[in-house]
Amino acid sequence: MSHKSHTKDIKRTASKVILRAATKFQISPYQVTAAQFWAVANGEVTDWEMRKLGSVTAFREVEFPVPVGMKVSDNFRVKKFVARDSKLLGFNTHVVDVADLFAAAKLKDNEVFRMIVQPDTHVEEHDHAALNAFVQFLAWYKPHGLINLGDFLEMDAVSHWPAKDVRPRRLIPQIKTGVKILENIKEAAGKQCVFWRFLIGNHEDWLDQYLVAKIPEVLDGLAELGHDLTIEGLLKLKELDYETIPVNEILRIGNHCHFIHGYYTEEYHTKKHLNVFGVNLYYGHLHDVQGTSTVSVNGVHESMSLGCLRSMDAAFLKGKPNNWSHSFGIFEFRSDGSFTRYVPIIINGRFSFNGTIFDGN
């Protein structure tokens, strides 16, 4: 069978699974989540095959787009982006007005709104020195906002990937450590930090997939007893003032700056993201620092991955070298919505910014 024929068969099967999930959960096909997809997939299509199509969500958005102009929820508006291959893709976009940010932070028009972007941390596989330096910087920089790009937890206990080592795969210790780290970040950032967002990454989404696919009947009604087994509940995100952005959805600040967890994984992934989205786009997911820029009638825009704060010594790599970088994003927004971004590279737990050295060792 040719590659094209095989891909066509995968797409046909995936479409059937989405329609079956829509029937089972009594929703429209464009509302089917990745967890609901895998709950009814029955082994007909593999995770790796869906990754080749971008992801379950990316494939669903192409084959079953949200109706143009439809308001999906009160929390976000649907925005249409035209990809450079002329395909019309529908992405759920959570829009935040820069004027609202300035008002919340009580800033004047000649000041800047200071936003920190925290990429993949993978607790408890995080790099302690890099994370310590990051927290030190928060206390010094005094940001007005913080965006967590997801994959904050490793979540190997509910991973659908086979274990690569002999360690017990336990979730609760990661949750406890994660909450403590989030509390430290909250304290370091300061009271002037008024904007908190948490983008659900694919590792956090494993929990939803696990619960929906394996034990939905057992947990039915648990929320009525006051128990919340979602990432929001386990990490106490609402108590820490975070609002969550569902997996594979977009956070847009003003008209020009977009954040996602990350879609594509090929070698030149920033070019792929830029070709598809065609806007300024920043993400984690790949753990490296990579950027691509282009120009159009709308001006210059770029796609960039912002590195990670996780340990470089990942068990699944089995000692192989990688191109990961410890880093994070600093975004300074002006009142007209324009912005300047910085991506400090952390080497051996140390980096400098504006003449000040931060050392997490």
Foldseek 3Di string as FASTA:
>chain_A
DDPVVVLVVQLVLLVVLLVVLCVVVVHDSLPDDLLSSVLRSVPVHDQVSQVVVQHSNQSSQQVPNDPPPDQPDPQWRKDWFQFLVRGIGIFTEGEDELLVLCVLLVHDQPFWQKEWEAAAQAPPQFDQLLLLLVLQVLLVVLGQEYEYQENNHNLPLLDPDDDLDDDHRDDLVRLVVLLVSLVSSLVSNDPSHQYAEYEHEPSLCSQVSSCSNPPVPVCVPVVVVVDDPHPCRSSVQVVSVYDYDYARHWYHYHDAAIEHQAGHADPQRFVVVCSGRVGAYEHEDNQAWDKDWDQDPVGIHMYTYQHHRGDQDDSVCVPDHDRHWSWIKIWIARNVGDIDMDIWTADQSWTDDPHRIGTRD
